[in-house]
């Protein structure tokens, strides 16, 4: 019988493969968050500053965590960037737990967006 962890890992590898096929290289969690941020903001400029990259990853994290009730989209600013309200504190986790937590929410995001 397959475990939940095995299913999670195979779903993650499947997502990595789809993204690798589309972009030509294997993305890490940060790269995937960056892509989600781009998707959510519609930002499409050549040069993206370090600050914008951090903002895009923040948008991605808030976006993926709305499904679990951690954040709520309050609206968008004049430039189309979403703004969020934190509804509850995130659980205290070590690095490995944090990565699994984010990966789980990333998978849910892609499932919900029919990727």
PDB file of N, CA and C in Angstrom:
ATOM      1  N   UNK A   1       0.834  -1.187   0.000  1.00  0.00           N
ATOM      2  CA  UNK A   1       0.000   0.000   0.000  1.00  0.00           C
ATOM      3  C   UNK A   1       0.883   1.257   0.000  1.00  0.00           C
ATOM      4  N   UNK A   2       0.585   2.170  -0.887  1.00  0.00           N
ATOM      5  CA  UNK A   2       1.386   3.398  -0.996  1.00  0.00           C
ATOM      6  C   UNK A   2       1.073   4.332   0.170  1.00  0.00           C
ATOM      7  N   UNK A   3       2.100   4.958   0.672  1.00  0.00           N
ATOM      8  CA  UNK A   3       1.884   5.894   1.777  1.00  0.00           C
ATOM      9  C   UNK A   3       1.552   7.285   1.241  1.00  0.00           C
ATOM     10  N   UNK A   4       1.042   8.120   2.116  1.00  0.00           N
ATOM     11  CA  UNK A   4       0.727   9.506   1.771  1.00  0.00           C
ATOM     12  C   UNK A   4       2.010  10.217   1.322  1.00  0.00           C
ATOM     13  N   UNK A   5       3.125   9.922   2.016  1.00  0.00           N
ATOM     14  CA  UNK A   5       4.408  10.544   1.674  1.00  0.00           C
ATOM     15  C   UNK A   5       4.837  10.174   0.254  1.00  0.00           C
ATOM     16  N   UNK A   6       4.627   8.895  -0.127  1.00  0.00           N
ATOM     17  CA  UNK A   6       4.972   8.459  -1.488  1.00  0.00           C
ATOM     18  C   UNK A   6       4.144   9.203  -2.521  1.00  0.00           C
ATOM     19  N   UNK A   7       2.849   9.362  -2.248  1.00  0.00           N
ATOM     20  CA  UNK A   7       1.968  10.073  -3.168  1.00  0.00           C
ATOM     21  C   UNK A   7       2.398  11.538  -3.280  1.00  0.00           C
ATOM     22  N   UNK A   8       2.684  12.131  -2.151  1.00  0.00           N
ATOM     23  CA  UNK A   8       3.141  13.527  -2.125  1.00  0.00           C
ATOM     24  C   UNK A   8       4.405  13.671  -2.965  1.00  0.00           C
ATOM     25  N   UNK A   9       5.373  12.775  -2.751  1.00  0.00           N
ATOM     26  CA  UNK A   9       6.650  12.852  -3.466  1.00  0.00           C
ATOM     27  C   UNK A   9       6.443  12.645  -4.964  1.00  0.00           C
ATOM     28  N   UNK A  10       5.603  11.703  -5.358  1.00  0.00           N
ATOM     29  CA  UNK A  10       5.398  11.475  -6.789  1.00  0.00           C
ATOM     30  C   UNK A  10       4.665  12.651  -7.427  1.00  0.00           C
ATOM     31  N   UNK A  11       3.729  13.269  -6.708  1.00  0.00           N
ATOM     32  CA  UNK A  11       3.043  14.467  -7.221  1.00  0.00           C
ATOM     33  C   UNK A  11       4.037  15.613  -7.379  1.00  0.00           C
ATOM     34  N   UNK A  12       4.955  15.752  -6.403  1.00  0.00           N
ATOM     35  CA  UNK A  12       5.970  16.807  -6.484  1.00  0.00           C
ATOM     36  C   UNK A  12       6.884  16.573  -7.688  1.00  0.00           C
ATOM     37  N   UNK A  13       7.357  15.324  -7.871  1.00  0.00           N
ATOM     38  CA  UNK A  13       8.238  15.023  -9.000  1.00  0.00           C
ATOM     39  C   UNK A  13       7.517  15.259 -10.327  1.00  0.00           C
ATOM     40  N   UNK A  14       6.241  14.951 -10.368  1.00  0.00           N
ATOM     41  CA  UNK A  14       5.439  15.171 -11.571  1.00  0.00           C
ATOM     42  C   UNK A  14       5.367  16.670 -11.895  1.00  0.00           C
ATOM     43  N   UNK A  15       5.148  17.495 -10.862  1.00  0.00           N
ATOM     44  CA  UNK A  15       5.110  18.944 -11.063  1.00  0.00           C
ATOM     45  C   UNK A  15       6.480  19.442 -11.542  1.00  0.00           C
ATOM     46  N   UNK A  16       7.556  18.985 -10.893  1.00  0.00           N
ATOM     47  CA  UNK A  16       8.907  19.390 -11.316  1.00  0.00           C
ATOM     48  C   UNK A  16       9.155  19.021 -12.777  1.00  0.00           C
ATOM     49  N   UNK A  17       8.708  17.829 -13.185  1.00  0.00           N
ATOM     50  CA  UNK A  17       8.907  17.386 -14.563  1.00  0.00           C
ATOM     51  C   UNK A  17       8.140  18.280 -15.536  1.00  0.00           C
ATOM     52  N   UNK A  18       6.881  18.600 -15.206  1.00  0.00           N
ATOM     53  CA  UNK A  18       6.091  19.487 -16.077  1.00  0.00           C
ATOM     54  C   UNK A  18       6.776  20.846 -16.234  1.00  0.00           C
ATOM     55  N   UNK A  19       7.261  21.385 -15.121  1.00  0.00           N
ATOM     56  CA  UNK A  19       7.931  22.687 -15.165  1.00  0.00           C
ATOM     57  C   UNK A  19       9.270  22.594 -15.904  1.00  0.00           C
ATOM     58  N   UNK A  20       9.966  21.470 -15.726  1.00  0.00           N
ATOM     59  CA  UNK A  20      11.229  21.262 -16.424  1.00  0.00           C
ATOM     60  C   UNK A  20      10.979  21.176 -17.939  1.00  0.00           C
ATOM     61  N   UNK A  21       9.926  20.463 -18.337  1.00  0.00           N
ATOM     62  CA  UNK A  21       9.580  20.355 -19.757  1.00  0.00           C
ATOM     63  C   UNK A  21       9.269  21.730 -20.333  1.00  0.00           C
ATOM     64  N   UNK A  22       8.583  22.568 -19.557  1.00  0.00           N
ATOM     65  CA  UNK A  22       8.177  23.880 -20.044  1.00  0.00           C
ATOM     66  C   UNK A  22       9.335  24.882 -20.058  1.00  0.00           C
ATOM     67  N   UNK A  23      10.203  24.852 -19.027  1.00  0.00           N
ATOM     68  CA  UNK A  23      11.231  25.894 -18.890  1.00  0.00           C
ATOM     69  C   UNK A  23      12.659  25.416 -19.157  1.00  0.00           C
ATOM     70  N   UNK A  24      12.834  24.120 -19.352  1.00  0.00           N
ATOM     71  CA  UNK A  24      14.150  23.616 -19.726  1.00  0.00           C
ATOM     72  C   UNK A  24      15.118  23.342 -18.592  1.00  0.00           C
ATOM     73  N   UNK A  25      14.716  23.612 -17.354  1.00  0.00           N
ATOM     74  CA  UNK A  25      15.569  23.245 -16.226  1.00  0.00           C
ATOM     75  C   UNK A  25      14.716  22.961 -15.001  1.00  0.00           C
ATOM     76  N   UNK A  26      15.290  22.137 -14.115  1.00  0.00           N
ATOM     77  CA  UNK A  26      14.546  21.720 -12.922  1.00  0.00           C
ATOM     78  C   UNK A  26      14.463  22.875 -11.929  1.00  0.00           C
ATOM     79  N   UNK A  27      13.242  23.272 -11.555  1.00  0.00           N
ATOM     80  CA  UNK A  27      13.090  24.396 -10.628  1.00  0.00           C
ATOM     81  C   UNK A  27      13.167  23.943  -9.168  1.00  0.00           C
ATOM     82  N   UNK A  28      13.700  24.817  -8.324  1.00  0.00           N
ATOM     83  CA  UNK A  28      13.627  24.557  -6.886  1.00  0.00           C
ATOM     84  C   UNK A  28      12.381  25.260  -6.345  1.00  0.00           C
ATOM     85  N   UNK A  29      12.138  25.130  -5.065  1.00  0.00           N
ATOM     86  CA  UNK A  29      10.941  25.719  -4.454  1.00  0.00           C
ATOM     87  C   UNK A  29      10.910  27.233  -4.668  1.00  0.00           C
ATOM     88  N   UNK A  30      12.071  27.895  -4.511  1.00  0.00           N
ATOM     89  CA  UNK A  30      12.118  29.349  -4.704  1.00  0.00           C
ATOM     90  C   UNK A  30      11.743  29.737  -6.130  1.00  0.00           C
ATOM     91  N   UNK A  31      12.246  28.992  -7.107  1.00  0.00           N
ATOM     92  CA  UNK A  31      11.937  29.289  -8.513  1.00  0.00           C
ATOM     93  C   UNK A  31      10.445  29.102  -8.785  1.00  0.00           C
ATOM     94  N   UNK A  32       9.853  28.082  -8.185  1.00  0.00           N
ATOM     95  CA  UNK A  32       8.419  27.835  -8.381  1.00  0.00           C
ATOM     96  C   UNK A  32       7.609  28.956  -7.734  1.00  0.00           C
ATOM     97  N   UNK A  33       8.021  29.392  -6.547  1.00  0.00           N
ATOM     98  CA  UNK A  33       7.333  30.511  -5.893  1.00  0.00           C
ATOM     99  C   UNK A  33       7.450  31.776  -6.753  1.00  0.00           C
ATOM    100  N   UNK A  34       8.617  31.996  -7.334  1.00  0.00           N
ATOM    101  CA  UNK A  34       8.832  33.137  -8.213  1.00  0.00           C
ATOM    102  C   UNK A  34       7.864  33.070  -9.405  1.00  0.00           C
ATOM    103  N   UNK A  35       7.727  31.884  -9.999  1.00  0.00           N
ATOM    104  CA  UNK A  35       6.796  31.702 -11.128  1.00  0.00           C
ATOM    105  C   UNK A  35       5.353  31.986 -10.718  1.00  0.00           C
ATOM    106  N   UNK A  36       4.963  31.509  -9.537  1.00  0.00           N
ATOM    107  CA  UNK A  36       3.603  31.756  -9.038  1.00  0.00           C
ATOM    108  C   UNK A  36       3.400  33.266  -8.846  1.00  0.00           C
ATOM    109  N   UNK A  37       4.416  33.932  -8.297  1.00  0.00           N
ATOM    110  CA  UNK A  37       4.343  35.386  -8.122  1.00  0.00           C
ATOM    111  C   UNK A  37       4.157  36.104  -9.443  1.00  0.00           C
ATOM    112  N   UNK A  38       4.904  35.680 -10.459  1.00  0.00           N
ATOM    113  CA  UNK A  38       4.751  36.264 -11.800  1.00  0.00           C
ATOM    114  C   UNK A  38       3.337  36.036 -12.323  1.00  0.00           C
ATOM    115  N   UNK A  39       2.851  34.819 -12.144  1.00  0.00           N
ATOM    116  CA  UNK A  39       1.510  34.451 -12.600  1.00  0.00           C
ATOM    117  C   UNK A  39       0.443  35.315 -11.921  1.00  0.00           C
ATOM    118  N   UNK A  40       0.583  35.509 -10.631  1.00  0.00           N
ATOM    119  CA  UNK A  40      -0.427  36.231  -9.850  1.00  0.00           C
ATOM    120  C   UNK A  40      -0.408  37.738 -10.086  1.00  0.00           C
ATOM    121  N   UNK A  41       0.759  38.291 -10.427  1.00  0.00           N
ATOM    122  CA  UNK A  41       0.848  39.738 -10.625  1.00  0.00           C
ATOM    123  C   UNK A  41       0.749  40.126 -12.097  1.00  0.00           C
ATOM    124  N   UNK A  42       1.031  39.168 -12.983  1.00  0.00           N
ATOM    125  CA  UNK A  42       1.049  39.480 -14.405  1.00  0.00           C
ATOM    126  C   UNK A  42       2.278  40.289 -14.800  1.00  0.00           C
ATOM    127  N   UNK A  43       3.262  40.374 -13.914  1.00  0.00           N
ATOM    128  CA  UNK A  43       4.479  41.138 -14.198  1.00  0.00           C
ATOM    129  C   UNK A  43       5.225  40.484 -15.357  1.00  0.00           C
ATOM    130  N   UNK A  44       5.552  41.269 -16.371  1.00  0.00           N
ATOM    131  CA  UNK A  44       6.243  40.688 -17.524  1.00  0.00           C
ATOM    132  C   UNK A  44       7.289  41.644 -18.086  1.00  0.00           C
ATOM    133  N   UNK A  45       8.198  42.066 -17.227  1.00  0.00           N
ATOM    134  CA  UNK A  45       9.266  42.939 -17.701  1.00  0.00           C
ATOM    135  C   UNK A  45      10.561  42.159 -17.776  1.00  0.00           C
ATOM    136  N   UNK A  46      11.484  42.632 -18.624  1.00  0.00           N
ATOM    137  CA  UNK A  46      12.772  41.953 -18.801  1.00  0.00           C
ATOM    138  C   UNK A  46      13.557  41.894 -17.504  1.00  0.00           C
ATOM    139  N   UNK A  47      13.811  43.076 -16.941  1.00  0.00           N
ATOM    140  CA  UNK A  47      14.656  43.170 -15.745  1.00  0.00           C
ATOM    141  C   UNK A  47      13.786  43.239 -14.497  1.00  0.00           C
ATOM    142  N   UNK A  48      14.046  42.314 -13.594  1.00  0.00           N
ATOM    143  CA  UNK A  48      13.313  42.296 -12.330  1.00  0.00           C
ATOM    144  C   UNK A  48      14.337  42.505 -11.216  1.00  0.00           C
ATOM    145  N   UNK A  49      14.121  43.530 -10.411  1.00  0.00           N
ATOM    146  CA  UNK A  49      15.063  43.839  -9.334  1.00  0.00           C
ATOM    147  C   UNK A  49      14.986  42.774  -8.237  1.00  0.00           C
ATOM    148  N   UNK A  50      16.009  42.762  -7.400  1.00  0.00           N
ATOM    149  CA  UNK A  50      16.039  41.828  -6.274  1.00  0.00           C
ATOM    150  C   UNK A  50      14.824  42.071  -5.368  1.00  0.00           C
ATOM    151  N   UNK A  51      14.496  43.356  -5.170  1.00  0.00           N
ATOM    152  CA  UNK A  51      13.345  43.702  -4.330  1.00  0.00           C
ATOM    153  C   UNK A  51      12.035  43.185  -4.952  1.00  0.00           C
ATOM    154  N   UNK A  52      11.902  43.358  -6.273  1.00  0.00           N
ATOM    155  CA  UNK A  52      10.696  42.853  -6.948  1.00  0.00           C
ATOM    156  C   UNK A  52      10.616  41.331  -6.847  1.00  0.00           C
ATOM    157  N   UNK A  53      11.773  40.665  -6.969  1.00  0.00           N
ATOM    158  CA  UNK A  53      11.792  39.202  -6.862  1.00  0.00           C
ATOM    159  C   UNK A  53      11.296  38.780  -5.476  1.00  0.00           C
ATOM    160  N   UNK A  54      11.772  39.478  -4.440  1.00  0.00           N
ATOM    161  CA  UNK A  54      11.314  39.171  -3.072  1.00  0.00           C
ATOM    162  C   UNK A  54       9.819  39.433  -2.939  1.00  0.00           C
ATOM    163  N   UNK A  55       9.352  40.540  -3.518  1.00  0.00           N
ATOM    164  CA  UNK A  55       7.922  40.859  -3.476  1.00  0.00           C
ATOM    165  C   UNK A  55       7.100  39.792  -4.188  1.00  0.00           C
ATOM    166  N   UNK A  56       7.598  39.326  -5.336  1.00  0.00           N
ATOM    167  CA  UNK A  56       6.892  38.281  -6.089  1.00  0.00           C
ATOM    168  C   UNK A  56       6.798  36.992  -5.276  1.00  0.00           C
ATOM    169  N   UNK A  57       7.875  36.642  -4.578  1.00  0.00           N
ATOM    170  CA  UNK A  57       7.852  35.432  -3.757  1.00  0.00           C
ATOM    171  C   UNK A  57       6.919  35.605  -2.564  1.00  0.00           C
ATOM    172  N   UNK A  58       6.848  36.811  -2.016  1.00  0.00           N
ATOM    173  CA  UNK A  58       5.910  37.099  -0.923  1.00  0.00           C
ATOM    174  C   UNK A  58       4.465  36.935  -1.424  1.00  0.00           C
ATOM    175  N   UNK A  59       4.185  37.490  -2.603  1.00  0.00           N
ATOM    176  CA  UNK A  59       2.849  37.340  -3.203  1.00  0.00           C
ATOM    177  C   UNK A  59       2.527  35.855  -3.382  1.00  0.00           C
ATOM    178  N   UNK A  60       3.504  35.089  -3.857  1.00  0.00           N
ATOM    179  CA  UNK A  60       3.290  33.657  -4.081  1.00  0.00           C
ATOM    180  C   UNK A  60       2.969  32.933  -2.771  1.00  0.00           C
ATOM    181  N   UNK A  61       3.740  33.211  -1.739  1.00  0.00           N
ATOM    182  CA  UNK A  61       3.515  32.537  -0.450  1.00  0.00           C
ATOM    183  C   UNK A  61       2.138  32.896   0.106  1.00  0.00           C
ATOM    184  N   UNK A  62       1.791  34.180   0.070  1.00  0.00           N
ATOM    185  CA  UNK A  62       0.466  34.593   0.551  1.00  0.00           C
ATOM    186  C   UNK A  62      -0.638  33.931  -0.284  1.00  0.00           C
ATOM    187  N   UNK A  63      -0.424  33.891  -1.609  1.00  0.00           N
ATOM    188  CA  UNK A  63      -1.417  33.299  -2.505  1.00  0.00           C
ATOM    189  C   UNK A  63      -1.639  31.827  -2.199  1.00  0.00           C
ATOM    190  N   UNK A  64      -0.546  31.060  -2.091  1.00  0.00           N
ATOM    191  CA  UNK A  64      -0.717  29.621  -1.875  1.00  0.00           C
ATOM    192  C   UNK A  64      -1.276  29.314  -0.492  1.00  0.00           C
ATOM    193  N   UNK A  65      -1.063  30.220   0.463  1.00  0.00           N
ATOM    194  CA  UNK A  65      -1.551  29.969   1.824  1.00  0.00           C
ATOM    195  C   UNK A  65      -2.969  30.499   2.067  1.00  0.00           C
ATOM    196  N   UNK A  66      -3.565  31.162   1.053  1.00  0.00           N
ATOM    197  CA  UNK A  66      -4.968  31.575   1.204  1.00  0.00           C
ATOM    198  C   UNK A  66      -5.874  30.356   1.269  1.00  0.00           C
ATOM    199  N   UNK A  67      -5.490  29.280   0.553  1.00  0.00           N
ATOM    200  CA  UNK A  67      -6.333  28.073   0.521  1.00  0.00           C
ATOM    201  C   UNK A  67      -6.477  27.427   1.898  1.00  0.00           C
ATOM    202  N   UNK A  68      -5.522  27.665   2.789  1.00  0.00           N
ATOM    203  CA  UNK A  68      -5.585  27.117   4.152  1.00  0.00           C
ATOM    204  C   UNK A  68      -6.046  28.145   5.177  1.00  0.00           C
ATOM    205  N   UNK A  69      -6.465  29.318   4.704  1.00  0.00           N
ATOM    206  CA  UNK A  69      -7.000  30.319   5.616  1.00  0.00           C
ATOM    207  C   UNK A  69      -5.976  31.146   6.369  1.00  0.00           C
ATOM    208  N   UNK A  70      -4.711  31.123   5.923  1.00  0.00           N
ATOM    209  CA  UNK A  70      -3.693  31.940   6.591  1.00  0.00           C
ATOM    210  C   UNK A  70      -3.750  33.385   6.120  1.00  0.00           C
ATOM    211  N   UNK A  71      -4.120  33.567   4.851  1.00  0.00           N
ATOM    212  CA  UNK A  71      -4.196  34.914   4.265  1.00  0.00           C
ATOM    213  C   UNK A  71      -5.500  35.094   3.513  1.00  0.00           C
ATOM    214  N   UNK A  72      -5.856  36.355   3.332  1.00  0.00           N
ATOM    215  CA  UNK A  72      -7.035  36.736   2.563  1.00  0.00           C
ATOM    216  C   UNK A  72      -6.604  37.837   1.603  1.00  0.00           C
ATOM    217  N   UNK A  73      -7.011  37.732   0.337  1.00  0.00           N
ATOM    218  CA  UNK A  73      -6.692  38.793  -0.622  1.00  0.00           C
ATOM    219  C   UNK A  73      -7.588  39.981  -0.302  1.00  0.00           C
ATOM    220  N   UNK A  74      -6.969  41.139  -0.053  1.00  0.00           N
ATOM    221  CA  UNK A  74      -7.736  42.349   0.264  1.00  0.00           C
ATOM    222  C   UNK A  74      -8.064  43.151  -0.987  1.00  0.00           C
ATOM    223  N   UNK A  75      -7.325  42.919  -2.048  1.00  0.00           N
ATOM    224  CA  UNK A  75      -7.547  43.656  -3.290  1.00  0.00           C
ATOM    225  C   UNK A  75      -6.227  43.852  -4.002  1.00  0.00           C
ATOM    226  N   UNK A  76      -6.256  44.656  -5.062  1.00  0.00           N
ATOM    227  CA  UNK A  76      -5.044  44.932  -5.831  1.00  0.00           C
ATOM    228  C   UNK A  76      -4.795  46.434  -5.862  1.00  0.00           C
ATOM    229  N   UNK A  77      -3.511  46.792  -5.939  1.00  0.00           N
ATOM    230  CA  UNK A  77      -3.170  48.212  -6.033  1.00  0.00           C
ATOM    231  C   UNK A  77      -3.242  48.683  -7.490  1.00  0.00           C
ATOM    232  N   UNK A  78      -2.876  49.950  -7.738  1.00  0.00           N
ATOM    233  CA  UNK A  78      -2.976  50.540  -9.068  1.00  0.00           C
ATOM    234  C   UNK A  78      -2.149  49.766 -10.089  1.00  0.00           C
ATOM    235  N   UNK A  79      -1.067  49.146  -9.651  1.00  0.00           N
ATOM    236  CA  UNK A  79      -0.184  48.411 -10.557  1.00  0.00           C
ATOM    237  C   UNK A  79      -0.611  46.955 -10.734  1.00  0.00           C
ATOM    238  N   UNK A  80      -1.714  46.566 -10.079  1.00  0.00           N
ATOM    239  CA  UNK A  80      -2.214  45.202 -10.224  1.00  0.00           C
ATOM    240  C   UNK A  80      -1.622  44.191  -9.257  1.00  0.00           C
ATOM    241  N   UNK A  81      -0.857  44.668  -8.295  1.00  0.00           N
ATOM    242  CA  UNK A  81      -0.272  43.753  -7.311  1.00  0.00           C
ATOM    243  C   UNK A  81      -1.295  43.444  -6.222  1.00  0.00           C
ATOM    244  N   UNK A  82      -1.493  42.154  -5.922  1.00  0.00           N
ATOM    245  CA  UNK A  82      -2.435  41.801  -4.854  1.00  0.00           C
ATOM    246  C   UNK A  82      -1.888  42.169  -3.472  1.00  0.00           C
ATOM    247  N   UNK A  83      -2.804  42.525  -2.588  1.00  0.00           N
ATOM    248  CA  UNK A  83      -2.444  42.802  -1.195  1.00  0.00           C
ATOM    249  C   UNK A  83      -3.233  41.841  -0.311  1.00  0.00           C
ATOM    250  N   UNK A  84      -2.577  41.379   0.745  1.00  0.00           N
ATOM    251  CA  UNK A  84      -3.128  40.326   1.588  1.00  0.00           C
ATOM    252  C   UNK A  84      -3.245  40.772   3.037  1.00  0.00           C
ATOM    253  N   UNK A  85      -4.184  40.153   3.710  1.00  0.00           N
ATOM    254  CA  UNK A  85      -4.338  40.339   5.153  1.00  0.00           C
ATOM    255  C   UNK A  85      -4.042  38.984   5.789  1.00  0.00           C
ATOM    256  N   UNK A  86      -3.161  38.967   6.780  1.00  0.00           N
ATOM    257  CA  UNK A  86      -2.862  37.721   7.475  1.00  0.00           C
ATOM    258  C   UNK A  86      -3.982  37.449   8.471  1.00  0.00           C
ATOM    259  N   UNK A  87      -4.582  36.262   8.386  1.00  0.00           N
ATOM    260  CA  UNK A  87      -5.715  35.898   9.239  1.00  0.00           C
ATOM    261  C   UNK A  87      -5.287  35.085  10.460  1.00  0.00           C
ATOM    262  N   UNK A  88      -4.211  34.326  10.310  1.00  0.00           N
ATOM    263  CA  UNK A  88      -3.713  33.544  11.444  1.00  0.00           C
ATOM    264  C   UNK A  88      -2.212  33.367  11.307  1.00  0.00           C
ATOM    265  N   UNK A  89      -1.565  33.142  12.438  1.00  0.00           N
ATOM    266  CA  UNK A  89      -0.127  32.930  12.437  1.00  0.00           C
ATOM    267  C   UNK A  89       0.205  31.579  11.824  1.00  0.00           C
ATOM    268  N   UNK A  90       1.337  31.538  11.158  1.00  0.00           N
ATOM    269  CA  UNK A  90       1.805  30.271  10.597  1.00  0.00           C
ATOM    270  C   UNK A  90       2.339  29.402  11.720  1.00  0.00           C
ATOM    271  N   UNK A  91       2.203  28.091  11.560  1.00  0.00           N
ATOM    272  CA  UNK A  91       2.737  27.201  12.601  1.00  0.00           C
ATOM    273  C   UNK A  91       4.265  27.306  12.677  1.00  0.00           C
ATOM    274  N   UNK A  92       4.803  27.073  13.857  1.00  0.00           N
ATOM    275  CA  UNK A  92       6.250  27.071  14.037  1.00  0.00           C
ATOM    276  C   UNK A  92       6.771  25.740  13.499  1.00  0.00           C
ATOM    277  N   UNK A  93       7.731  25.825  12.570  1.00  0.00           N
ATOM    278  CA  UNK A  93       8.246  24.616  11.920  1.00  0.00           C
ATOM    279  C   UNK A  93       9.744  24.731  11.720  1.00  0.00           C
ATOM    280  N   UNK A  94      10.403  23.571  11.647  1.00  0.00           N
ATOM    281  CA  UNK A  94      11.810  23.577  11.261  1.00  0.00           C
ATOM    282  C   UNK A  94      11.896  23.689   9.739  1.00  0.00           C
ATOM    283  N   UNK A  95      13.106  23.792   9.189  1.00  0.00           N
ATOM    284  CA  UNK A  95      13.284  24.009   7.753  1.00  0.00           C
ATOM    285  C   UNK A  95      12.665  22.900   6.898  1.00  0.00           C
ATOM    286  N   UNK A  96      12.822  21.662   7.309  1.00  0.00           N
ATOM    287  CA  UNK A  96      12.296  20.533   6.538  1.00  0.00           C
ATOM    288  C   UNK A  96      10.766  20.568   6.538  1.00  0.00           C
ATOM    289  N   UNK A  97      10.184  20.827   7.713  1.00  0.00           N
ATOM    290  CA  UNK A  97       8.714  20.935   7.801  1.00  0.00           C
ATOM    291  C   UNK A  97       8.201  22.114   6.971  1.00  0.00           C
ATOM    292  N   UNK A  98       8.934  23.238   7.014  1.00  0.00           N
ATOM    293  CA  UNK A  98       8.544  24.416   6.227  1.00  0.00           C
ATOM    294  C   UNK A  98       8.513  24.099   4.740  1.00  0.00           C
ATOM    295  N   UNK A  99       9.560  23.404   4.273  1.00  0.00           N
ATOM    296  CA  UNK A  99       9.630  23.074   2.850  1.00  0.00           C
ATOM    297  C   UNK A  99       8.474  22.156   2.449  1.00  0.00           C
ATOM    298  N   UNK A 100       8.173  21.162   3.268  1.00  0.00           N
ATOM    299  CA  UNK A 100       7.049  20.262   2.968  1.00  0.00           C
ATOM    300  C   UNK A 100       5.719  21.016   2.979  1.00  0.00           C
ATOM    301  N   UNK A 101       5.573  21.903   3.940  1.00  0.00           N
ATOM    302  CA  UNK A 101       4.370  22.733   4.067  1.00  0.00           C
ATOM    303  C   UNK A 101       4.180  23.561   2.794  1.00  0.00           C
ATOM    304  N   UNK A 102       5.259  24.223   2.345  1.00  0.00           N
ATOM    305  CA  UNK A 102       5.188  25.033   1.126  1.00  0.00           C
ATOM    306  C   UNK A 102       4.928  24.169  -0.101  1.00  0.00           C
ATOM    307  N   UNK A 103       5.629  23.036  -0.211  1.00  0.00           N
ATOM    308  CA  UNK A 103       5.434  22.141  -1.361  1.00  0.00           C
ATOM    309  C   UNK A 103       3.991  21.661  -1.437  1.00  0.00           C
ATOM    310  N   UNK A 104       3.423  21.316  -0.296  1.00  0.00           N
ATOM    311  CA  UNK A 104       2.041  20.852  -0.242  1.00  0.00           C
ATOM    312  C   UNK A 104       1.103  21.939  -0.776  1.00  0.00           C
ATOM    313  N   UNK A 105       1.320  23.173  -0.362  1.00  0.00           N
ATOM    314  CA  UNK A 105       0.480  24.286  -0.816  1.00  0.00           C
ATOM    315  C   UNK A 105       0.736  24.636  -2.282  1.00  0.00           C
ATOM    316  N   UNK A 106       1.979  24.466  -2.733  1.00  0.00           N
ATOM    317  CA  UNK A 106       2.293  24.681  -4.150  1.00  0.00           C
ATOM    318  C   UNK A 106       1.541  23.663  -5.006  1.00  0.00           C
ATOM    319  N   UNK A 107       1.558  22.401  -4.584  1.00  0.00           N
ATOM    320  CA  UNK A 107       0.829  21.360  -5.324  1.00  0.00           C
ATOM    321  C   UNK A 107      -0.660  21.685  -5.382  1.00  0.00           C
ATOM    322  N   UNK A 108      -1.216  22.126  -4.277  1.00  0.00           N
ATOM    323  CA  UNK A 108      -2.632  22.496  -4.230  1.00  0.00           C
ATOM    324  C   UNK A 108      -2.913  23.662  -5.176  1.00  0.00           C
ATOM    325  N   UNK A 109      -2.012  24.636  -5.188  1.00  0.00           N
ATOM    326  CA  UNK A 109      -2.156  25.791  -6.086  1.00  0.00           C
ATOM    327  C   UNK A 109      -2.229  25.320  -7.549  1.00  0.00           C
ATOM    328  N   UNK A 110      -1.287  24.460  -7.932  1.00  0.00           N
ATOM    329  CA  UNK A 110      -1.266  23.992  -9.320  1.00  0.00           C
ATOM    330  C   UNK A 110      -2.468  23.103  -9.636  1.00  0.00           C
ATOM    331  N   UNK A 111      -2.912  22.307  -8.661  1.00  0.00           N
ATOM    332  CA  UNK A 111      -4.134  21.505  -8.851  1.00  0.00           C
ATOM    333  C   UNK A 111      -5.336  22.429  -9.084  1.00  0.00           C
ATOM    334  N   UNK A 112      -5.456  23.458  -8.266  1.00  0.00           N
ATOM    335  CA  UNK A 112      -6.580  24.400  -8.365  1.00  0.00           C
ATOM    336  C   UNK A 112      -6.553  25.230  -9.631  1.00  0.00           C
ATOM    337  N   UNK A 113      -5.353  25.366 -10.223  1.00  0.00           N
ATOM    338  CA  UNK A 113      -5.205  26.155 -11.447  1.00  0.00           C
ATOM    339  C   UNK A 113      -5.042  25.273 -12.691  1.00  0.00           C
ATOM    340  N   UNK A 114      -5.422  24.006 -12.558  1.00  0.00           N
ATOM    341  CA  UNK A 114      -5.405  23.034 -13.658  1.00  0.00           C
ATOM    342  C   UNK A 114      -4.108  23.055 -14.469  1.00  0.00           C
ATOM    343  N   UNK A 115      -2.991  23.000 -13.774  1.00  0.00           N
ATOM    344  CA  UNK A 115      -1.708  22.969 -14.489  1.00  0.00           C
ATOM    345  C   UNK A 115      -1.369  21.539 -14.843  1.00  0.00           C
TER     346      UNK A 115
END
